[in-house]
């Protein structure tokens, strides 16, 4: 199944022009990498005392799938707990079928965010 032209355009645009890129000075910093394809991400997550994600941004050196998925996660996770953010269906947000390899790219940000569950 091929992705729709609209889905492709969104992924290309969002990977080139992320809406939630940048650093947050007083946030928890988490880093993740996929050594098989070279994706590397840095997440900046600010969680309030109530456990709600107040702010979330990122820096990525990654493929378009990973970069877009990370930006979508940063957008969708705001106002949610970490547990709720880990339940966001990233492949659905991307609106395209993912091979097992590309699925790892798409889920790297969530896997990296999982570190906050362990604290």
N, C-alpha and C. Protein backbone atom coordinates (compact mmCIF):
# COMPACT_ATOMS: atom_id res chain seq x y z
N UNK A 1 0.84 -1.18 0.00
CA UNK A 1 0.00 0.00 0.00
C UNK A 1 0.89 1.24 0.00
N UNK A 2 0.70 2.09 -0.97
CA UNK A 2 1.50 3.30 -1.09
C UNK A 2 0.84 4.42 -0.28
N UNK A 3 1.66 5.31 0.31
CA UNK A 3 1.08 6.43 1.04
C UNK A 3 0.42 7.41 0.07
N UNK A 4 -0.57 8.11 0.56
CA UNK A 4 -1.23 9.11 -0.28
C UNK A 4 -0.26 10.26 -0.55
N UNK A 5 -0.51 10.98 -1.59
CA UNK A 5 0.33 12.13 -1.92
C UNK A 5 0.28 13.16 -0.80
N UNK A 6 -0.90 13.33 -0.20
CA UNK A 6 -1.05 14.28 0.91
C UNK A 6 -0.19 13.87 2.11
N UNK A 7 -0.20 12.58 2.45
CA UNK A 7 0.62 12.09 3.57
C UNK A 7 2.09 12.31 3.29
N UNK A 8 2.51 12.02 2.08
CA UNK A 8 3.92 12.23 1.70
C UNK A 8 4.31 13.69 1.83
N UNK A 9 3.45 14.60 1.37
CA UNK A 9 3.74 16.03 1.43
C UNK A 9 3.83 16.50 2.88
N UNK A 10 2.96 16.02 3.73
CA UNK A 10 2.98 16.40 5.14
C UNK A 10 4.28 15.93 5.79
N UNK A 11 4.68 14.72 5.50
CA UNK A 11 5.91 14.17 6.10
C UNK A 11 7.13 14.96 5.62
N UNK A 12 7.20 15.24 4.35
CA UNK A 12 8.33 16.01 3.83
C UNK A 12 8.35 17.41 4.43
N UNK A 13 7.20 18.07 4.44
CA UNK A 13 7.14 19.44 4.98
C UNK A 13 7.47 19.47 6.46
N UNK A 14 6.87 18.58 7.23
CA UNK A 14 7.06 18.59 8.68
C UNK A 14 8.49 18.21 9.06
N UNK A 15 9.13 17.35 8.27
CA UNK A 15 10.52 16.99 8.58
C UNK A 15 11.46 18.15 8.25
N UNK A 16 11.13 18.93 7.25
CA UNK A 16 11.96 20.09 6.88
C UNK A 16 11.64 21.33 7.70
N UNK A 17 10.41 21.43 8.16
CA UNK A 17 9.94 22.61 8.90
C UNK A 17 9.23 22.19 10.18
N UNK A 18 9.96 21.59 11.11
CA UNK A 18 9.31 21.12 12.34
C UNK A 18 8.73 22.28 13.14
N UNK A 19 7.59 22.03 13.76
CA UNK A 19 6.92 23.06 14.54
C UNK A 19 7.38 23.10 15.99
N UNK A 20 8.02 22.03 16.44
CA UNK A 20 8.39 21.94 17.86
C UNK A 20 9.87 21.65 18.05
N UNK A 21 10.70 22.17 17.15
CA UNK A 21 12.14 21.98 17.24
C UNK A 21 12.75 23.07 18.12
N UNK A 22 13.82 22.72 18.80
CA UNK A 22 14.55 23.68 19.62
C UNK A 22 14.80 23.14 21.01
N UNK A 23 15.51 23.93 21.78
CA UNK A 23 15.85 23.54 23.15
C UNK A 23 14.93 24.22 24.15
N UNK A 24 14.73 23.57 25.28
CA UNK A 24 14.04 24.16 26.42
C UNK A 24 15.05 24.11 27.56
N UNK A 25 15.41 25.26 28.07
CA UNK A 25 16.54 25.34 29.01
C UNK A 25 16.35 24.56 30.31
N UNK A 26 15.17 24.52 30.85
CA UNK A 26 14.97 23.87 32.16
C UNK A 26 14.23 22.54 32.06
N UNK A 27 14.37 21.87 30.93
CA UNK A 27 13.67 20.61 30.70
C UNK A 27 14.58 19.41 30.92
N UNK A 28 13.97 18.28 31.12
CA UNK A 28 14.68 17.00 31.15
C UNK A 28 15.12 16.70 29.72
N UNK A 29 16.37 16.29 29.54
CA UNK A 29 16.89 15.99 28.21
C UNK A 29 17.06 14.48 28.08
N UNK A 30 16.47 13.93 27.03
CA UNK A 30 16.55 12.50 26.74
C UNK A 30 17.10 12.34 25.34
N UNK A 31 18.00 11.37 25.16
CA UNK A 31 18.56 11.14 23.83
C UNK A 31 18.28 9.72 23.38
N UNK A 32 17.98 9.59 22.10
CA UNK A 32 17.73 8.29 21.53
C UNK A 32 18.40 8.17 20.17
N UNK A 33 18.72 6.95 19.80
CA UNK A 33 19.36 6.71 18.51
C UNK A 33 18.95 5.36 17.96
N UNK A 34 18.95 5.28 16.66
CA UNK A 34 18.73 4.02 15.97
C UNK A 34 20.02 3.75 15.19
N UNK A 35 20.88 2.88 15.72
CA UNK A 35 22.18 2.65 15.09
C UNK A 35 22.10 2.01 13.70
N UNK A 36 20.98 1.40 13.37
CA UNK A 36 20.84 0.74 12.08
C UNK A 36 20.67 1.73 10.94
N UNK A 37 20.05 2.89 11.22
CA UNK A 37 19.83 3.85 10.13
C UNK A 37 20.48 5.21 10.41
N UNK A 38 20.99 5.40 11.61
CA UNK A 38 21.68 6.66 11.92
C UNK A 38 20.80 7.74 12.51
N UNK A 39 19.53 7.47 12.77
CA UNK A 39 18.66 8.47 13.40
C UNK A 39 19.19 8.80 14.79
N UNK A 40 19.20 10.08 15.11
CA UNK A 40 19.57 10.52 16.45
C UNK A 40 18.63 11.65 16.84
N UNK A 41 18.04 11.52 18.03
CA UNK A 41 17.11 12.55 18.51
C UNK A 41 17.48 12.98 19.92
N UNK A 42 17.13 14.21 20.22
CA UNK A 42 17.28 14.74 21.56
C UNK A 42 15.92 15.36 21.91
N UNK A 43 15.33 14.89 23.00
CA UNK A 43 14.04 15.39 23.45
C UNK A 43 14.24 16.31 24.65
N UNK A 44 13.49 17.39 24.68
CA UNK A 44 13.47 18.32 25.81
C UNK A 44 12.05 18.29 26.35
N UNK A 45 11.87 17.71 27.54
CA UNK A 45 10.53 17.50 28.07
C UNK A 45 10.43 18.13 29.46
N UNK A 46 9.43 18.96 29.62
CA UNK A 46 9.19 19.61 30.90
C UNK A 46 7.88 19.05 31.46
N UNK A 47 8.00 18.32 32.58
CA UNK A 47 6.84 17.71 33.21
C UNK A 47 6.55 18.46 34.50
N UNK A 48 5.31 18.90 34.67
CA UNK A 48 4.92 19.64 35.86
C UNK A 48 4.77 18.73 37.06
N UNK A 49 4.60 19.36 38.22
CA UNK A 49 4.44 18.59 39.46
C UNK A 49 3.23 17.67 39.41
N UNK A 50 2.24 18.02 38.61
CA UNK A 50 1.03 17.20 38.48
C UNK A 50 1.22 16.04 37.50
N UNK A 51 2.45 15.89 36.95
CA UNK A 51 2.73 14.79 36.04
C UNK A 51 2.33 15.04 34.60
N UNK A 52 1.89 16.25 34.31
CA UNK A 52 1.46 16.61 32.96
C UNK A 52 2.64 17.20 32.19
N UNK A 53 2.78 16.80 30.93
CA UNK A 53 3.82 17.36 30.07
C UNK A 53 3.42 18.78 29.71
N UNK A 54 4.20 19.73 30.23
CA UNK A 54 3.89 21.15 30.01
C UNK A 54 4.54 21.67 28.73
N UNK A 55 5.71 21.18 28.42
CA UNK A 55 6.42 21.63 27.23
C UNK A 55 7.24 20.47 26.69
N UNK A 56 7.44 20.44 25.38
CA UNK A 56 8.11 19.33 24.73
C UNK A 56 8.66 19.85 23.40
N UNK A 57 9.94 19.73 23.23
CA UNK A 57 10.55 20.08 21.95
C UNK A 57 11.63 19.06 21.63
N UNK A 58 12.29 19.24 20.50
CA UNK A 58 13.27 18.24 20.07
C UNK A 58 14.31 18.83 19.14
N UNK A 59 15.38 18.08 19.00
CA UNK A 59 16.38 18.29 17.95
C UNK A 59 16.56 16.93 17.31
N UNK A 60 16.54 16.88 15.98
CA UNK A 60 16.69 15.60 15.30
C UNK A 60 17.72 15.70 14.18
N UNK A 61 18.45 14.63 14.04
CA UNK A 61 19.26 14.35 12.85
C UNK A 61 18.77 12.98 12.44
N UNK A 62 17.77 12.96 11.60
CA UNK A 62 17.07 11.70 11.34
C UNK A 62 16.40 11.72 9.99
N UNK A 63 15.94 10.56 9.59
CA UNK A 63 15.16 10.44 8.35
C UNK A 63 13.84 11.20 8.50
N UNK A 64 13.17 11.40 7.39
CA UNK A 64 11.94 12.19 7.42
C UNK A 64 10.85 11.54 8.27
N UNK A 65 10.78 10.22 8.28
CA UNK A 65 9.77 9.52 9.10
C UNK A 65 10.03 9.79 10.58
N UNK A 66 11.26 9.62 11.02
CA UNK A 66 11.62 9.83 12.42
C UNK A 66 11.43 11.29 12.82
N UNK A 67 11.89 12.20 11.98
CA UNK A 67 11.78 13.63 12.30
C UNK A 67 10.33 14.06 12.41
N UNK A 68 9.50 13.61 11.48
CA UNK A 68 8.09 13.97 11.51
C UNK A 68 7.38 13.33 12.70
N UNK A 69 7.65 12.07 12.96
CA UNK A 69 7.03 11.38 14.10
C UNK A 69 7.42 12.07 15.41
N UNK A 70 8.67 12.49 15.53
CA UNK A 70 9.12 13.18 16.74
C UNK A 70 8.39 14.51 16.90
N UNK A 71 8.23 15.24 15.80
CA UNK A 71 7.52 16.52 15.86
C UNK A 71 6.05 16.32 16.21
N UNK A 72 5.42 15.29 15.62
CA UNK A 72 4.03 14.98 15.95
C UNK A 72 3.89 14.62 17.43
N UNK A 73 4.83 13.82 17.95
CA UNK A 73 4.76 13.43 19.36
C UNK A 73 4.90 14.65 20.25
N UNK A 74 5.81 15.56 19.92
CA UNK A 74 5.98 16.78 20.71
C UNK A 74 4.68 17.59 20.74
N UNK A 75 3.97 17.61 19.64
CA UNK A 75 2.70 18.33 19.56
C UNK A 75 1.60 17.64 20.37
N UNK A 76 1.46 16.35 20.16
CA UNK A 76 0.36 15.60 20.77
C UNK A 76 0.54 15.33 22.27
N UNK A 77 1.77 15.29 22.74
CA UNK A 77 2.04 14.93 24.14
C UNK A 77 1.76 16.06 25.12
N UNK A 78 1.77 17.28 24.65
CA UNK A 78 1.53 18.42 25.53
C UNK A 78 0.15 18.31 26.18
N UNK A 79 0.12 18.49 27.48
CA UNK A 79 -1.14 18.40 28.21
C UNK A 79 -1.51 16.98 28.63
N UNK A 80 -0.66 16.03 28.32
CA UNK A 80 -0.90 14.64 28.69
C UNK A 80 0.15 14.18 29.70
N UNK A 81 -0.14 13.09 30.40
CA UNK A 81 0.87 12.48 31.25
C UNK A 81 1.83 11.71 30.34
N UNK A 82 2.96 11.31 30.88
CA UNK A 82 3.91 10.51 30.11
C UNK A 82 3.23 9.20 29.68
N UNK A 83 2.50 8.58 30.58
CA UNK A 83 1.81 7.32 30.24
C UNK A 83 0.84 7.52 29.08
N UNK A 84 0.12 8.62 29.08
CA UNK A 84 -0.81 8.91 27.98
C UNK A 84 -0.05 9.17 26.68
N UNK A 85 1.07 9.87 26.77
CA UNK A 85 1.87 10.17 25.58
C UNK A 85 2.44 8.89 24.96
N UNK A 86 2.73 7.91 25.80
CA UNK A 86 3.27 6.65 25.29
C UNK A 86 2.20 5.81 24.58
N UNK A 87 0.94 6.17 24.75
CA UNK A 87 -0.15 5.45 24.09
C UNK A 87 -0.58 6.10 22.77
N UNK A 88 -0.01 7.25 22.44
CA UNK A 88 -0.36 7.92 21.18
C UNK A 88 0.04 7.01 20.02
N UNK A 89 -0.86 6.85 19.08
CA UNK A 89 -0.59 5.97 17.94
C UNK A 89 0.10 6.76 16.84
N UNK A 90 1.42 6.77 16.89
CA UNK A 90 2.22 7.53 15.93
C UNK A 90 2.01 7.07 14.49
N UNK A 91 1.98 5.75 14.20
CA UNK A 91 1.73 5.36 12.81
C UNK A 91 0.42 5.92 12.26
N UNK A 92 -0.62 6.01 13.08
CA UNK A 92 -1.88 6.60 12.62
C UNK A 92 -1.70 8.08 12.30
N UNK A 93 -0.92 8.80 13.12
CA UNK A 93 -0.69 10.21 12.86
C UNK A 93 0.06 10.42 11.54
N UNK A 94 0.95 9.50 11.22
CA UNK A 94 1.72 9.61 9.98
C UNK A 94 0.87 9.28 8.75
N UNK A 95 -0.19 8.53 8.94
CA UNK A 95 -1.13 8.17 7.86
C UNK A 95 -0.47 7.45 6.69
N UNK A 96 0.45 6.54 7.03
CA UNK A 96 1.04 5.73 5.97
C UNK A 96 1.47 4.40 6.52
N UNK A 97 1.50 3.39 5.64
CA UNK A 97 1.94 2.07 6.08
C UNK A 97 3.44 2.09 6.35
N UNK A 98 3.86 1.35 7.37
CA UNK A 98 5.27 1.33 7.75
C UNK A 98 5.81 -0.09 7.74
N UNK A 99 6.94 -0.27 7.10
CA UNK A 99 7.63 -1.55 7.16
C UNK A 99 8.19 -1.69 8.57
N UNK A 100 8.60 -2.88 8.98
CA UNK A 100 9.17 -3.03 10.33
C UNK A 100 10.36 -2.10 10.58
N UNK A 101 11.18 -1.89 9.58
CA UNK A 101 12.34 -0.99 9.74
C UNK A 101 11.88 0.44 9.93
N UNK A 102 10.96 0.90 9.11
CA UNK A 102 10.46 2.28 9.21
C UNK A 102 9.65 2.48 10.49
N UNK A 103 9.03 1.43 10.97
CA UNK A 103 8.27 1.51 12.23
C UNK A 103 9.22 1.87 13.38
N UNK A 104 10.43 1.30 13.37
CA UNK A 104 11.42 1.64 14.40
C UNK A 104 11.78 3.12 14.32
N UNK A 105 11.88 3.64 13.12
CA UNK A 105 12.16 5.08 12.94
C UNK A 105 11.01 5.91 13.52
N UNK A 106 9.79 5.50 13.22
CA UNK A 106 8.62 6.25 13.66
C UNK A 106 8.43 6.22 15.18
N UNK A 107 8.88 5.15 15.82
CA UNK A 107 8.63 4.99 17.25
C UNK A 107 9.84 5.36 18.13
N UNK A 108 10.92 5.83 17.53
CA UNK A 108 12.11 6.15 18.30
C UNK A 108 11.83 7.20 19.39
N UNK A 109 11.08 8.23 19.07
CA UNK A 109 10.79 9.28 20.07
C UNK A 109 10.00 8.71 21.25
N UNK A 110 9.01 7.88 20.98
CA UNK A 110 8.25 7.29 22.08
C UNK A 110 9.12 6.36 22.91
N UNK A 111 9.95 5.58 22.26
CA UNK A 111 10.84 4.69 23.01
C UNK A 111 11.80 5.50 23.89
N UNK A 112 12.24 6.63 23.39
CA UNK A 112 13.12 7.50 24.17
C UNK A 112 12.35 8.14 25.32
N UNK A 113 11.13 8.57 25.07
CA UNK A 113 10.29 9.18 26.11
C UNK A 113 10.01 8.19 27.23
N UNK A 114 10.01 6.90 26.93
CA UNK A 114 9.74 5.85 27.92
C UNK A 114 10.68 5.94 29.11
N UNK A 115 11.88 6.53 28.92
CA UNK A 115 12.83 6.69 30.01
C UNK A 115 12.23 7.47 31.19
N UNK A 116 11.31 8.37 30.91
CA UNK A 116 10.67 9.15 31.97
C UNK A 116 9.78 8.29 32.85
N UNK A 117 9.26 7.19 32.29
CA UNK A 117 8.44 6.26 33.09
C UNK A 117 9.25 5.59 34.18
N UNK A 118 10.53 5.42 33.90
CA UNK A 118 11.40 4.69 34.82
C UNK A 118 11.90 5.55 35.97
N UNK A 119 11.66 6.83 35.92
CA UNK A 119 12.15 7.73 36.99
C UNK A 119 11.22 7.79 38.16
